[in-house]
Amino acid sequence: MSPGVSVERLVLGELGTNCFLVGDGAGGPLVVIDPAGGAPDLLEAIDGRPVAVVVLTHSHFDHLGAAEAVCSSTGAPLAIHAEDAPYVTDAGGTGALLFGFAHTAPAPQRLLDDGDAIEAGKLLLRVLHTPGHTSGGICLLAQGESRLFSGDTLFAGSVGRTDFPRGDSRALARSITERLAPLPDETVVHPGHGPDTTIGRERLVNPFFPRA
């Protein structure tokens, strides 16, 4: 993968969700991660560039509000972990109804599993299944780059909440301990909400990280 991998962040939707446009830095197609909302702004940022795939890190409404518009406009398939796929087409399943919204996404065309590769030009993202926030929550690890797109599994100084349906605090703790804590300290974390961080910083300050 090109060392010049590009990452563009947009903060979109009612809950200020981070949407990422990720490319290989060499003009290859984009991967759109969590098209949270604000479809006109998001499509303006894409600016006609080809999109290889739209990926949802999980099925919650605040991460998918513009999925239909982006997939329709770009022709890109929608991808999500298989365990969360059944919930995205229904406003009850996405949790939108709990907040007075009706956000849904189209039926996913690609079902992801742990270890799957998402390729776009020279960009390779590896799927890490990190259940806890939802049963099908994932992170995406850029191969050859110390970058992790963590969705709502990991935030700067915190983790995703587990008191919604299909949340599991024990599963989330295992995901942090077994999947994320072993990553190198220099790994830059691009979370679903809030500022970027690093694995090294979270190892020091995040109370949900294992302690030696």
N, C-alpha and C. Protein backbone atom coordinates (compact mmCIF):
# COMPACT_ATOMS: atom_id res chain seq x y z
N MET A 1 0.85 -1.20 0.00
CA MET A 1 0.00 0.00 0.00
C MET A 1 0.87 1.24 0.00
N SER A 2 0.41 2.23 -0.68
CA SER A 2 1.14 3.49 -0.73
C SER A 2 1.28 4.09 0.65
N PRO A 3 2.49 4.60 1.00
CA PRO A 3 2.65 5.25 2.29
C PRO A 3 1.89 6.55 2.39
N GLY A 4 1.35 7.03 1.26
CA GLY A 4 0.62 8.28 1.28
C GLY A 4 -0.87 8.11 1.42
N VAL A 5 -1.32 7.06 2.09
CA VAL A 5 -2.76 6.84 2.26
C VAL A 5 -3.43 8.12 2.75
N SER A 6 -4.57 8.44 2.15
CA SER A 6 -5.26 9.68 2.48
C SER A 6 -6.47 9.41 3.34
N VAL A 7 -6.69 10.29 4.32
CA VAL A 7 -7.83 10.18 5.21
C VAL A 7 -8.48 11.55 5.32
N GLU A 8 -9.74 11.65 4.90
CA GLU A 8 -10.52 12.87 5.03
C GLU A 8 -11.66 12.60 6.01
N ARG A 9 -11.82 13.49 6.98
CA ARG A 9 -12.87 13.32 7.98
C ARG A 9 -13.93 14.40 7.82
N LEU A 10 -15.19 13.97 7.87
CA LEU A 10 -16.32 14.88 7.93
C LEU A 10 -17.13 14.54 9.17
N VAL A 11 -17.58 15.55 9.88
CA VAL A 11 -18.43 15.34 11.06
C VAL A 11 -19.86 15.60 10.62
N LEU A 12 -20.69 14.56 10.67
CA LEU A 12 -22.00 14.60 10.04
C LEU A 12 -23.09 14.07 10.96
N GLY A 13 -24.32 14.43 10.65
CA GLY A 13 -25.47 13.86 11.32
C GLY A 13 -25.78 14.50 12.65
N GLU A 14 -26.89 14.05 13.22
CA GLU A 14 -27.42 14.64 14.44
C GLU A 14 -26.52 14.45 15.65
N LEU A 15 -25.73 13.40 15.67
CA LEU A 15 -24.88 13.11 16.82
C LEU A 15 -23.40 13.38 16.57
N GLY A 16 -23.10 14.13 15.53
CA GLY A 16 -21.71 14.50 15.27
C GLY A 16 -20.81 13.30 15.04
N THR A 17 -21.20 12.48 14.10
CA THR A 17 -20.46 11.24 13.81
C THR A 17 -19.35 11.51 12.81
N ASN A 18 -18.22 10.88 13.01
CA ASN A 18 -17.10 10.98 12.07
C ASN A 18 -17.33 10.05 10.88
N CYS A 19 -17.33 10.62 9.69
CA CYS A 19 -17.34 9.87 8.45
C CYS A 19 -15.96 10.04 7.81
N PHE A 20 -15.41 8.95 7.31
CA PHE A 20 -14.07 9.00 6.73
C PHE A 20 -14.10 8.61 5.26
N LEU A 21 -13.41 9.40 4.45
CA LEU A 21 -13.13 9.07 3.07
C LEU A 21 -11.67 8.65 3.01
N VAL A 22 -11.44 7.40 2.71
CA VAL A 22 -10.08 6.85 2.78
C VAL A 22 -9.65 6.41 1.39
N GLY A 23 -8.45 6.82 1.00
CA GLY A 23 -7.90 6.45 -0.29
C GLY A 23 -6.47 5.99 -0.18
N ASP A 24 -5.93 5.51 -1.29
CA ASP A 24 -4.57 4.97 -1.27
C ASP A 24 -3.51 6.03 -1.49
N GLY A 25 -3.91 7.29 -1.66
CA GLY A 25 -2.94 8.35 -1.88
C GLY A 25 -2.34 8.35 -3.26
N ALA A 26 -2.85 7.47 -4.12
CA ALA A 26 -2.31 7.36 -5.47
C ALA A 26 -3.40 7.49 -6.52
N GLY A 27 -4.52 8.07 -6.13
CA GLY A 27 -5.60 8.29 -7.09
C GLY A 27 -6.57 7.14 -7.22
N GLY A 28 -6.45 6.14 -6.37
CA GLY A 28 -7.36 5.01 -6.42
C GLY A 28 -8.72 5.36 -5.86
N PRO A 29 -9.68 4.45 -6.00
CA PRO A 29 -11.03 4.73 -5.50
C PRO A 29 -11.06 4.86 -3.99
N LEU A 30 -12.11 5.51 -3.50
CA LEU A 30 -12.27 5.73 -2.08
C LEU A 30 -13.01 4.59 -1.40
N VAL A 31 -12.77 4.45 -0.11
CA VAL A 31 -13.62 3.70 0.78
C VAL A 31 -14.31 4.72 1.68
N VAL A 32 -15.63 4.72 1.71
CA VAL A 32 -16.40 5.62 2.57
C VAL A 32 -16.79 4.83 3.82
N ILE A 33 -16.34 5.30 4.97
CA ILE A 33 -16.62 4.63 6.23
C ILE A 33 -17.64 5.46 7.01
N ASP A 34 -18.77 4.86 7.32
CA ASP A 34 -19.82 5.46 8.15
C ASP A 34 -20.37 6.77 7.58
N PRO A 35 -21.15 6.69 6.50
CA PRO A 35 -21.78 7.89 5.93
C PRO A 35 -22.95 8.33 6.81
N ALA A 36 -22.65 9.12 7.81
CA ALA A 36 -23.56 9.33 8.92
C ALA A 36 -24.80 10.16 8.58
N GLY A 37 -24.68 11.07 7.66
CA GLY A 37 -25.78 11.97 7.32
C GLY A 37 -25.27 13.08 6.44
N GLY A 38 -26.07 14.13 6.29
CA GLY A 38 -25.63 15.26 5.49
C GLY A 38 -25.24 14.86 4.09
N ALA A 39 -26.13 14.14 3.41
CA ALA A 39 -25.80 13.59 2.10
C ALA A 39 -25.26 14.63 1.12
N PRO A 40 -25.86 15.82 1.01
CA PRO A 40 -25.32 16.80 0.06
C PRO A 40 -23.87 17.18 0.36
N ASP A 41 -23.54 17.40 1.64
CA ASP A 41 -22.16 17.75 2.00
C ASP A 41 -21.22 16.58 1.73
N LEU A 42 -21.68 15.38 2.02
CA LEU A 42 -20.83 14.21 1.80
C LEU A 42 -20.57 13.99 0.32
N LEU A 43 -21.60 14.09 -0.48
CA LEU A 43 -21.41 13.92 -1.92
C LEU A 43 -20.56 15.03 -2.51
N GLU A 44 -20.67 16.23 -1.96
CA GLU A 44 -19.80 17.32 -2.42
C GLU A 44 -18.34 17.00 -2.09
N ALA A 45 -18.09 16.41 -0.92
CA ALA A 45 -16.72 16.06 -0.55
C ALA A 45 -16.18 14.93 -1.43
N ILE A 46 -17.03 13.99 -1.78
CA ILE A 46 -16.60 12.91 -2.68
C ILE A 46 -16.26 13.48 -4.05
N ASP A 47 -17.04 14.47 -4.48
CA ASP A 47 -16.72 15.27 -5.67
C ASP A 47 -16.52 14.41 -6.93
N GLY A 48 -17.37 13.42 -7.10
CA GLY A 48 -17.31 12.63 -8.31
C GLY A 48 -16.24 11.57 -8.36
N ARG A 49 -15.44 11.48 -7.32
CA ARG A 49 -14.40 10.45 -7.30
C ARG A 49 -15.03 9.06 -7.19
N PRO A 50 -14.40 8.05 -7.79
CA PRO A 50 -14.96 6.70 -7.68
C PRO A 50 -14.91 6.20 -6.24
N VAL A 51 -15.93 5.46 -5.86
CA VAL A 51 -16.02 4.87 -4.53
C VAL A 51 -16.09 3.35 -4.69
N ALA A 52 -15.16 2.65 -4.08
CA ALA A 52 -15.11 1.19 -4.21
C ALA A 52 -16.17 0.52 -3.35
N VAL A 53 -16.37 1.04 -2.15
CA VAL A 53 -17.30 0.40 -1.22
C VAL A 53 -17.64 1.40 -0.11
N VAL A 54 -18.84 1.28 0.40
CA VAL A 54 -19.29 2.04 1.58
C VAL A 54 -19.37 1.04 2.73
N VAL A 55 -18.65 1.32 3.81
CA VAL A 55 -18.57 0.38 4.93
C VAL A 55 -19.21 1.00 6.17
N LEU A 56 -20.08 0.23 6.81
CA LEU A 56 -20.64 0.61 8.10
C LEU A 56 -19.91 -0.16 9.20
N THR A 57 -19.40 0.57 10.20
CA THR A 57 -18.72 -0.12 11.29
C THR A 57 -19.69 -0.83 12.21
N HIS A 58 -20.96 -0.41 12.17
CA HIS A 58 -22.02 -1.10 12.89
C HIS A 58 -23.36 -0.54 12.42
N SER A 59 -24.43 -1.03 13.00
CA SER A 59 -25.77 -0.79 12.43
C SER A 59 -26.53 0.38 13.04
N HIS A 60 -25.92 1.19 13.89
CA HIS A 60 -26.66 2.27 14.53
C HIS A 60 -26.96 3.42 13.56
N PHE A 61 -28.11 4.05 13.77
CA PHE A 61 -28.64 5.05 12.84
C PHE A 61 -27.71 6.22 12.61
N ASP A 62 -26.92 6.59 13.62
CA ASP A 62 -26.08 7.78 13.49
C ASP A 62 -24.84 7.53 12.65
N HIS A 63 -24.69 6.32 12.11
CA HIS A 63 -23.54 6.00 11.25
C HIS A 63 -23.96 5.70 9.81
N LEU A 64 -25.25 5.81 9.49
CA LEU A 64 -25.68 5.33 8.19
C LEU A 64 -26.70 6.21 7.47
N GLY A 65 -26.97 7.39 7.99
CA GLY A 65 -28.05 8.21 7.45
C GLY A 65 -27.91 8.57 5.98
N ALA A 66 -26.69 8.64 5.46
CA ALA A 66 -26.49 8.99 4.05
C ALA A 66 -26.08 7.80 3.21
N ALA A 67 -26.20 6.60 3.76
CA ALA A 67 -25.75 5.41 3.03
C ALA A 67 -26.50 5.24 1.71
N GLU A 68 -27.81 5.39 1.76
CA GLU A 68 -28.59 5.18 0.54
C GLU A 68 -28.20 6.19 -0.54
N ALA A 69 -28.04 7.45 -0.15
CA ALA A 69 -27.69 8.48 -1.13
C ALA A 69 -26.31 8.24 -1.73
N VAL A 70 -25.35 7.86 -0.91
CA VAL A 70 -23.99 7.64 -1.41
C VAL A 70 -23.94 6.41 -2.31
N CYS A 71 -24.57 5.34 -1.88
CA CYS A 71 -24.55 4.13 -2.71
C CYS A 71 -25.27 4.36 -4.03
N SER A 72 -26.39 5.08 -3.98
CA SER A 72 -27.15 5.35 -5.20
C SER A 72 -26.37 6.26 -6.15
N SER A 73 -25.71 7.27 -5.60
CA SER A 73 -25.01 8.24 -6.45
C SER A 73 -23.71 7.70 -7.02
N THR A 74 -23.04 6.82 -6.29
CA THR A 74 -21.72 6.33 -6.72
C THR A 74 -21.76 4.93 -7.29
N GLY A 75 -22.84 4.18 -7.05
CA GLY A 75 -22.90 2.80 -7.50
C GLY A 75 -22.11 1.85 -6.63
N ALA A 76 -21.60 2.34 -5.48
CA ALA A 76 -20.78 1.50 -4.61
C ALA A 76 -21.66 0.56 -3.79
N PRO A 77 -21.18 -0.65 -3.52
CA PRO A 77 -21.93 -1.57 -2.66
C PRO A 77 -21.81 -1.17 -1.20
N LEU A 78 -22.79 -1.58 -0.41
CA LEU A 78 -22.77 -1.34 1.03
C LEU A 78 -22.30 -2.60 1.73
N ALA A 79 -21.37 -2.43 2.68
CA ALA A 79 -20.80 -3.58 3.40
C ALA A 79 -20.93 -3.37 4.90
N ILE A 80 -21.20 -4.46 5.61
CA ILE A 80 -21.31 -4.45 7.07
C ILE A 80 -21.09 -5.86 7.56
N HIS A 81 -20.72 -6.01 8.83
CA HIS A 81 -20.56 -7.34 9.38
C HIS A 81 -21.89 -8.10 9.31
N ALA A 82 -21.81 -9.39 9.07
CA ALA A 82 -23.01 -10.20 8.88
C ALA A 82 -23.96 -10.14 10.07
N GLU A 83 -23.43 -10.02 11.29
CA GLU A 83 -24.31 -10.04 12.46
C GLU A 83 -25.13 -8.76 12.61
N ASP A 84 -24.67 -7.66 12.03
CA ASP A 84 -25.42 -6.41 12.10
C ASP A 84 -26.28 -6.15 10.87
N ALA A 85 -26.04 -6.91 9.81
CA ALA A 85 -26.72 -6.67 8.54
C ALA A 85 -28.24 -6.70 8.65
N PRO A 86 -28.85 -7.60 9.42
CA PRO A 86 -30.32 -7.66 9.43
C PRO A 86 -31.00 -6.42 10.00
N TYR A 87 -30.27 -5.55 10.66
CA TYR A 87 -30.88 -4.46 11.40
C TYR A 87 -30.91 -3.13 10.68
N VAL A 88 -30.16 -2.99 9.58
CA VAL A 88 -29.98 -1.66 9.01
C VAL A 88 -31.15 -1.17 8.18
N THR A 89 -32.01 -2.06 7.74
CA THR A 89 -33.12 -1.66 6.87
C THR A 89 -34.37 -1.25 7.64
N ASP A 90 -34.31 -1.30 8.95
CA ASP A 90 -35.48 -1.02 9.79
C ASP A 90 -35.11 0.02 10.84
N ALA A 91 -35.94 1.05 10.99
CA ALA A 91 -35.63 2.13 11.92
C ALA A 91 -35.62 1.66 13.37
N GLY A 92 -36.33 0.59 13.66
CA GLY A 92 -36.24 0.01 14.99
C GLY A 92 -34.91 -0.68 15.19
N GLY A 93 -34.46 -1.38 14.17
CA GLY A 93 -33.19 -2.08 14.27
C GLY A 93 -32.00 -1.16 14.36
N THR A 94 -32.06 0.00 13.71
CA THR A 94 -30.93 0.94 13.76
C THR A 94 -30.92 1.75 15.05
N GLY A 95 -31.99 1.66 15.82
CA GLY A 95 -32.09 2.46 17.04
C GLY A 95 -32.61 3.85 16.80
N ALA A 96 -32.95 4.18 15.55
CA ALA A 96 -33.39 5.54 15.24
C ALA A 96 -34.68 5.92 15.96
N LEU A 97 -35.58 4.97 16.09
CA LEU A 97 -36.87 5.27 16.70
C LEU A 97 -36.72 5.73 18.15
N LEU A 98 -35.70 5.22 18.83
CA LEU A 98 -35.48 5.62 20.22
C LEU A 98 -35.20 7.10 20.35
N PHE A 99 -34.70 7.72 19.27
CA PHE A 99 -34.31 9.12 19.30
C PHE A 99 -35.23 9.98 18.43
N GLY A 100 -36.31 9.41 17.96
CA GLY A 100 -37.26 10.17 17.17
C GLY A 100 -36.88 10.35 15.72
N PHE A 101 -36.01 9.48 15.21
CA PHE A 101 -35.60 9.55 13.80
C PHE A 101 -36.10 8.31 13.06
N ALA A 102 -35.83 8.28 11.78
CA ALA A 102 -36.27 7.14 10.97
C ALA A 102 -35.17 6.65 10.04
N HIS A 103 -33.91 6.84 10.41
CA HIS A 103 -32.80 6.54 9.52
C HIS A 103 -32.63 5.03 9.31
N THR A 104 -32.52 4.65 8.05
CA THR A 104 -32.23 3.27 7.67
C THR A 104 -31.21 3.29 6.54
N ALA A 105 -30.77 2.11 6.14
CA ALA A 105 -29.85 1.97 5.01
C ALA A 105 -30.39 0.90 4.08
N PRO A 106 -29.90 0.85 2.85
CA PRO A 106 -30.31 -0.23 1.95
C PRO A 106 -29.81 -1.58 2.47
N ALA A 107 -30.38 -2.63 1.95
CA ALA A 107 -29.88 -3.97 2.29
C ALA A 107 -28.42 -4.08 1.86
N PRO A 108 -27.53 -4.48 2.76
CA PRO A 108 -26.10 -4.59 2.40
C PRO A 108 -25.88 -5.59 1.28
N GLN A 109 -24.95 -5.27 0.42
CA GLN A 109 -24.59 -6.16 -0.68
C GLN A 109 -23.36 -7.02 -0.36
N ARG A 110 -22.65 -6.64 0.68
CA ARG A 110 -21.49 -7.44 1.09
C ARG A 110 -21.53 -7.65 2.59
N LEU A 111 -21.45 -8.90 3.01
CA LEU A 111 -21.44 -9.25 4.43
C LEU A 111 -20.00 -9.55 4.84
N LEU A 112 -19.53 -8.83 5.84
CA LEU A 112 -18.14 -8.93 6.27
C LEU A 112 -17.99 -9.91 7.42
N ASP A 113 -16.79 -10.44 7.55
CA ASP A 113 -16.44 -11.31 8.67
C ASP A 113 -15.03 -10.95 9.11
N ASP A 114 -14.67 -11.40 10.29
CA ASP A 114 -13.34 -11.12 10.83
C ASP A 114 -12.26 -11.61 9.87
N GLY A 115 -11.28 -10.76 9.62
CA GLY A 115 -10.17 -11.12 8.75
C GLY A 115 -10.37 -10.80 7.29
N ASP A 116 -11.58 -10.39 6.90
CA ASP A 116 -11.82 -10.04 5.51
C ASP A 116 -10.97 -8.84 5.10
N ALA A 117 -10.68 -8.78 3.81
CA ALA A 117 -9.93 -7.66 3.25
C ALA A 117 -10.85 -6.79 2.43
N ILE A 118 -10.74 -5.49 2.61
CA ILE A 118 -11.43 -4.50 1.79
C ILE A 118 -10.36 -3.79 0.97
N GLU A 119 -10.43 -3.90 -0.34
CA GLU A 119 -9.40 -3.36 -1.21
C GLU A 119 -9.97 -2.25 -2.08
N ALA A 120 -9.18 -1.21 -2.25
CA ALA A 120 -9.53 -0.10 -3.11
C ALA A 120 -8.23 0.47 -3.68
N GLY A 121 -7.94 0.15 -4.92
CA GLY A 121 -6.64 0.52 -5.46
C GLY A 121 -5.54 -0.17 -4.68
N LYS A 122 -4.58 0.62 -4.17
CA LYS A 122 -3.50 0.06 -3.37
C LYS A 122 -3.83 0.01 -1.88
N LEU A 123 -5.02 0.45 -1.54
CA LEU A 123 -5.45 0.47 -0.14
C LEU A 123 -5.99 -0.90 0.25
N LEU A 124 -5.56 -1.38 1.42
CA LEU A 124 -6.06 -2.63 1.97
C LEU A 124 -6.43 -2.41 3.42
N LEU A 125 -7.71 -2.62 3.71
CA LEU A 125 -8.22 -2.52 5.07
C LEU A 125 -8.61 -3.92 5.54
N ARG A 126 -8.13 -4.29 6.72
CA ARG A 126 -8.44 -5.61 7.29
C ARG A 126 -9.55 -5.45 8.33
N VAL A 127 -10.56 -6.31 8.24
CA VAL A 127 -11.69 -6.27 9.15
C VAL A 127 -11.34 -6.96 10.47
N LEU A 128 -11.53 -6.24 11.57
CA LEU A 128 -11.42 -6.81 12.91
C LEU A 128 -12.81 -6.83 13.52
N HIS A 129 -13.34 -8.00 13.80
CA HIS A 129 -14.64 -8.10 14.45
C HIS A 129 -14.45 -7.76 15.93
N THR A 130 -15.10 -6.68 16.36
CA THR A 130 -14.94 -6.21 17.75
C THR A 130 -16.32 -6.03 18.38
N PRO A 131 -17.01 -7.11 18.68
CA PRO A 131 -18.35 -7.00 19.26
C PRO A 131 -18.33 -6.36 20.64
N GLY A 132 -19.48 -5.82 21.01
CA GLY A 132 -19.62 -5.19 22.32
C GLY A 132 -20.57 -4.01 22.25
N HIS A 133 -20.23 -3.01 21.45
CA HIS A 133 -21.15 -1.90 21.23
C HIS A 133 -22.39 -2.42 20.50
N THR A 134 -22.17 -3.24 19.49
CA THR A 134 -23.20 -4.08 18.88
C THR A 134 -22.55 -5.44 18.64
N SER A 135 -23.38 -6.43 18.34
CA SER A 135 -22.83 -7.78 18.13
C SER A 135 -22.00 -7.88 16.87
N GLY A 136 -22.26 -7.01 15.90
CA GLY A 136 -21.51 -7.06 14.65
C GLY A 136 -20.59 -5.87 14.45
N GLY A 137 -20.20 -5.22 15.53
CA GLY A 137 -19.29 -4.08 15.41
C GLY A 137 -17.93 -4.50 14.86
N ILE A 138 -17.35 -3.63 14.03
CA ILE A 138 -16.03 -3.90 13.47
C ILE A 138 -15.14 -2.68 13.59
N CYS A 139 -13.83 -2.94 13.51
CA CYS A 139 -12.83 -1.92 13.26
C CYS A 139 -12.15 -2.28 11.95
N LEU A 140 -11.53 -1.29 11.34
CA LEU A 140 -10.81 -1.50 10.08
C LEU A 140 -9.36 -1.07 10.27
N LEU A 141 -8.44 -2.00 10.03
CA LEU A 141 -7.02 -1.75 10.21
C LEU A 141 -6.36 -1.61 8.84
N ALA A 142 -5.75 -0.46 8.59
CA ALA A 142 -5.07 -0.23 7.33
C ALA A 142 -3.75 -1.00 7.30
N GLN A 143 -3.63 -1.93 6.40
CA GLN A 143 -2.42 -2.73 6.30
C GLN A 143 -1.28 -1.90 5.71
N GLY A 144 -0.13 -1.98 6.35
CA GLY A 144 1.02 -1.20 5.91
C GLY A 144 1.02 0.20 6.45
N GLU A 145 -0.02 0.58 7.16
CA GLU A 145 -0.15 1.90 7.78
C GLU A 145 -0.61 1.69 9.21
N SER A 146 -0.10 2.47 10.13
CA SER A 146 -0.52 2.35 11.52
C SER A 146 -1.77 3.19 11.74
N ARG A 147 -2.88 2.73 11.15
CA ARG A 147 -4.15 3.44 11.25
C ARG A 147 -5.28 2.46 11.53
N LEU A 148 -6.13 2.82 12.47
CA LEU A 148 -7.28 2.00 12.83
C LEU A 148 -8.53 2.87 12.80
N PHE A 149 -9.53 2.43 12.07
CA PHE A 149 -10.83 3.08 12.06
C PHE A 149 -11.71 2.29 13.01
N SER A 150 -11.99 2.87 14.17
CA SER A 150 -12.50 2.07 15.29
C SER A 150 -14.01 2.14 15.49
N GLY A 151 -14.73 2.90 14.64
CA GLY A 151 -16.17 3.00 14.84
C GLY A 151 -16.48 3.43 16.26
N ASP A 152 -17.45 2.76 16.89
CA ASP A 152 -17.78 3.09 18.27
C ASP A 152 -17.24 2.05 19.24
N THR A 153 -16.24 1.29 18.81
CA THR A 153 -15.58 0.36 19.73
C THR A 153 -14.67 1.13 20.68
N LEU A 154 -13.90 2.07 20.14
CA LEU A 154 -12.90 2.79 20.93
C LEU A 154 -12.94 4.27 20.60
N PHE A 155 -12.96 5.09 21.65
CA PHE A 155 -12.86 6.54 21.53
C PHE A 155 -11.61 7.02 22.27
N ALA A 156 -11.28 8.29 22.10
CA ALA A 156 -10.22 8.88 22.89
C ALA A 156 -10.67 8.92 24.35
N GLY A 157 -10.04 8.12 25.19
CA GLY A 157 -10.34 8.11 26.61
C GLY A 157 -11.54 7.29 27.02
N SER A 158 -12.20 6.62 26.08
CA SER A 158 -13.41 5.88 26.44
C SER A 158 -13.68 4.80 25.41
N VAL A 159 -14.85 4.16 25.54
CA VAL A 159 -15.30 3.14 24.61
C VAL A 159 -16.78 3.36 24.33
N GLY A 160 -17.31 2.63 23.38
CA GLY A 160 -18.71 2.74 23.05
C GLY A 160 -19.60 2.21 24.17
N ARG A 161 -20.78 2.80 24.30
CA ARG A 161 -21.71 2.38 25.34
C ARG A 161 -22.30 1.01 24.99
N THR A 162 -22.73 0.29 26.00
CA THR A 162 -23.23 -1.07 25.80
C THR A 162 -24.63 -1.25 26.36
N ASP A 163 -25.33 -0.16 26.64
CA ASP A 163 -26.66 -0.27 27.23
C ASP A 163 -27.78 -0.20 26.20
N PHE A 164 -27.44 -0.20 24.91
CA PHE A 164 -28.44 -0.32 23.87
C PHE A 164 -28.69 -1.79 23.56
N PRO A 165 -29.78 -2.10 22.86
CA PRO A 165 -29.99 -3.50 22.45
C PRO A 165 -28.79 -4.06 21.70
N ARG A 166 -28.44 -5.28 21.99
CA ARG A 166 -27.31 -6.01 21.41
C ARG A 166 -25.95 -5.50 21.90
N GLY A 167 -25.96 -4.63 22.90
CA GLY A 167 -24.72 -4.25 23.55
C GLY A 167 -24.32 -5.29 24.58
N ASP A 168 -23.01 -5.42 24.80
CA ASP A 168 -22.51 -6.44 25.72
C ASP A 168 -21.19 -5.94 26.29
N SER A 169 -21.19 -5.54 27.54
CA SER A 169 -19.99 -4.94 28.14
C SER A 169 -18.84 -5.94 28.24
N ARG A 170 -19.14 -7.20 28.51
CA ARG A 170 -18.08 -8.20 28.59
C ARG A 170 -17.46 -8.46 27.23
N ALA A 171 -18.29 -8.51 26.20
CA ALA A 171 -17.77 -8.70 24.86
C ALA A 171 -16.90 -7.51 24.44
N LEU A 172 -17.32 -6.31 24.80
CA LEU A 172 -16.53 -5.13 24.46
C LEU A 172 -15.19 -5.16 25.18
N ALA A 173 -15.17 -5.54 26.43
CA ALA A 173 -13.91 -5.65 27.17
C ALA A 173 -12.97 -6.65 26.50
N ARG A 174 -13.52 -7.78 26.04
CA ARG A 174 -12.69 -8.77 25.34
C ARG A 174 -12.16 -8.19 24.02
N SER A 175 -13.01 -7.44 23.32
CA SER A 175 -12.56 -6.86 22.05
C SER A 175 -11.40 -5.90 22.27
N ILE A 176 -11.50 -5.08 23.30
CA ILE A 176 -10.42 -4.14 23.60
C ILE A 176 -9.16 -4.90 23.98
N THR A 177 -9.29 -5.89 24.85
CA THR A 177 -8.13 -6.62 25.37
C THR A 177 -7.48 -7.49 24.31
N GLU A 178 -8.29 -8.19 23.53
CA GLU A 178 -7.75 -9.20 22.62
C GLU A 178 -7.45 -8.67 21.22
N ARG A 179 -8.19 -7.66 20.77
CA ARG A 179 -8.03 -7.21 19.39
C ARG A 179 -7.30 -5.88 19.25
N LEU A 180 -7.55 -4.96 20.19
CA LEU A 180 -6.99 -3.61 20.04
C LEU A 180 -5.75 -3.37 20.89
N ALA A 181 -5.76 -3.83 22.13
CA ALA A 181 -4.60 -3.60 23.00
C ALA A 181 -3.29 -4.16 22.42
N PRO A 182 -3.30 -5.27 21.68
CA PRO A 182 -2.04 -5.77 21.12
C PRO A 182 -1.47 -4.94 19.98
N LEU A 183 -2.22 -3.99 19.45
CA LEU A 183 -1.71 -3.19 18.33
C LEU A 183 -0.57 -2.29 18.79
N PRO A 184 0.32 -1.92 17.88
CA PRO A 184 1.46 -1.06 18.25
C PRO A 184 1.02 0.29 18.81
N ASP A 185 1.81 0.83 19.72
CA ASP A 185 1.49 2.11 20.34
C ASP A 185 1.31 3.22 19.32
N GLU A 186 2.05 3.17 18.22
CA GLU A 186 2.01 4.27 17.25
C GLU A 186 0.77 4.22 16.36
N THR A 187 -0.06 3.22 16.50
CA THR A 187 -1.26 3.11 15.68
C THR A 187 -2.18 4.31 15.94
N VAL A 188 -2.47 5.06 14.89
CA VAL A 188 -3.39 6.19 14.99
C VAL A 188 -4.82 5.64 14.93
N VAL A 189 -5.64 6.09 15.85
CA VAL A 189 -7.03 5.63 15.93
C VAL A 189 -7.95 6.75 15.44
N HIS A 190 -8.76 6.42 14.44
CA HIS A 190 -9.78 7.33 13.92
C HIS A 190 -11.13 6.81 14.41
N PRO A 191 -11.70 7.40 15.47
CA PRO A 191 -12.92 6.84 16.07
C PRO A 191 -14.20 7.36 15.41
N GLY A 192 -15.32 6.75 15.80
CA GLY A 192 -16.60 7.13 15.26
C GLY A 192 -17.11 8.46 15.77
N HIS A 193 -16.61 8.90 16.90
CA HIS A 193 -16.97 10.20 17.47
C HIS A 193 -15.74 10.79 18.14
N GLY A 194 -15.61 12.10 18.09
CA GLY A 194 -14.52 12.75 18.81
C GLY A 194 -13.20 12.74 18.08
N PRO A 195 -12.15 13.20 18.77
CA PRO A 195 -10.84 13.37 18.13
C PRO A 195 -10.09 12.07 17.93
N ASP A 196 -9.11 12.13 17.04
CA ASP A 196 -8.19 11.01 16.86
C ASP A 196 -7.37 10.80 18.13
N THR A 197 -6.84 9.59 18.25
CA THR A 197 -5.96 9.28 19.36
C THR A 197 -4.95 8.24 18.86
N THR A 198 -4.22 7.63 19.76
CA THR A 198 -3.32 6.53 19.41
C THR A 198 -3.52 5.39 20.40
N ILE A 199 -3.12 4.22 19.99
CA ILE A 199 -3.19 3.07 20.90
C ILE A 199 -2.30 3.31 22.11
N GLY A 200 -1.13 3.91 21.89
CA GLY A 200 -0.23 4.18 23.01
C GLY A 200 -0.85 5.11 24.03
N ARG A 201 -1.53 6.14 23.57
CA ARG A 201 -2.18 7.07 24.49
C ARG A 201 -3.29 6.35 25.26
N GLU A 202 -4.08 5.56 24.54
CA GLU A 202 -5.17 4.87 25.22
C GLU A 202 -4.67 3.85 26.23
N ARG A 203 -3.52 3.27 25.94
CA ARG A 203 -2.94 2.32 26.88
C ARG A 203 -2.61 3.01 28.21
N LEU A 204 -2.28 4.29 28.13
CA LEU A 204 -1.91 5.03 29.33
C LEU A 204 -3.10 5.63 30.07
N VAL A 205 -4.10 6.11 29.31
CA VAL A 205 -5.15 6.92 29.95
C VAL A 205 -6.54 6.30 29.93
N ASN A 206 -6.76 5.32 29.08
CA ASN A 206 -8.12 4.80 28.93
C ASN A 206 -8.41 3.76 29.99
N PRO A 207 -9.39 4.00 30.86
CA PRO A 207 -9.65 3.06 31.95
C PRO A 207 -10.17 1.71 31.47
N PHE A 208 -10.56 1.61 30.21
CA PHE A 208 -11.08 0.34 29.68
C PHE A 208 -9.98 -0.53 29.07
N PHE A 209 -8.76 0.00 28.99
CA PHE A 209 -7.63 -0.79 28.48
C PHE A 209 -7.08 -1.66 29.60
N PRO A 210 -6.60 -2.86 29.25
CA PRO A 210 -6.02 -3.73 30.29
C PRO A 210 -4.76 -3.11 30.88
N ARG A 211 -4.55 -3.37 32.15
CA ARG A 211 -3.35 -2.89 32.84
C ARG A 211 -2.44 -4.08 33.13
N ALA A 212 -1.15 -3.86 32.97
CA ALA A 212 -0.19 -4.95 33.19
C ALA A 212 -0.21 -5.36 34.66
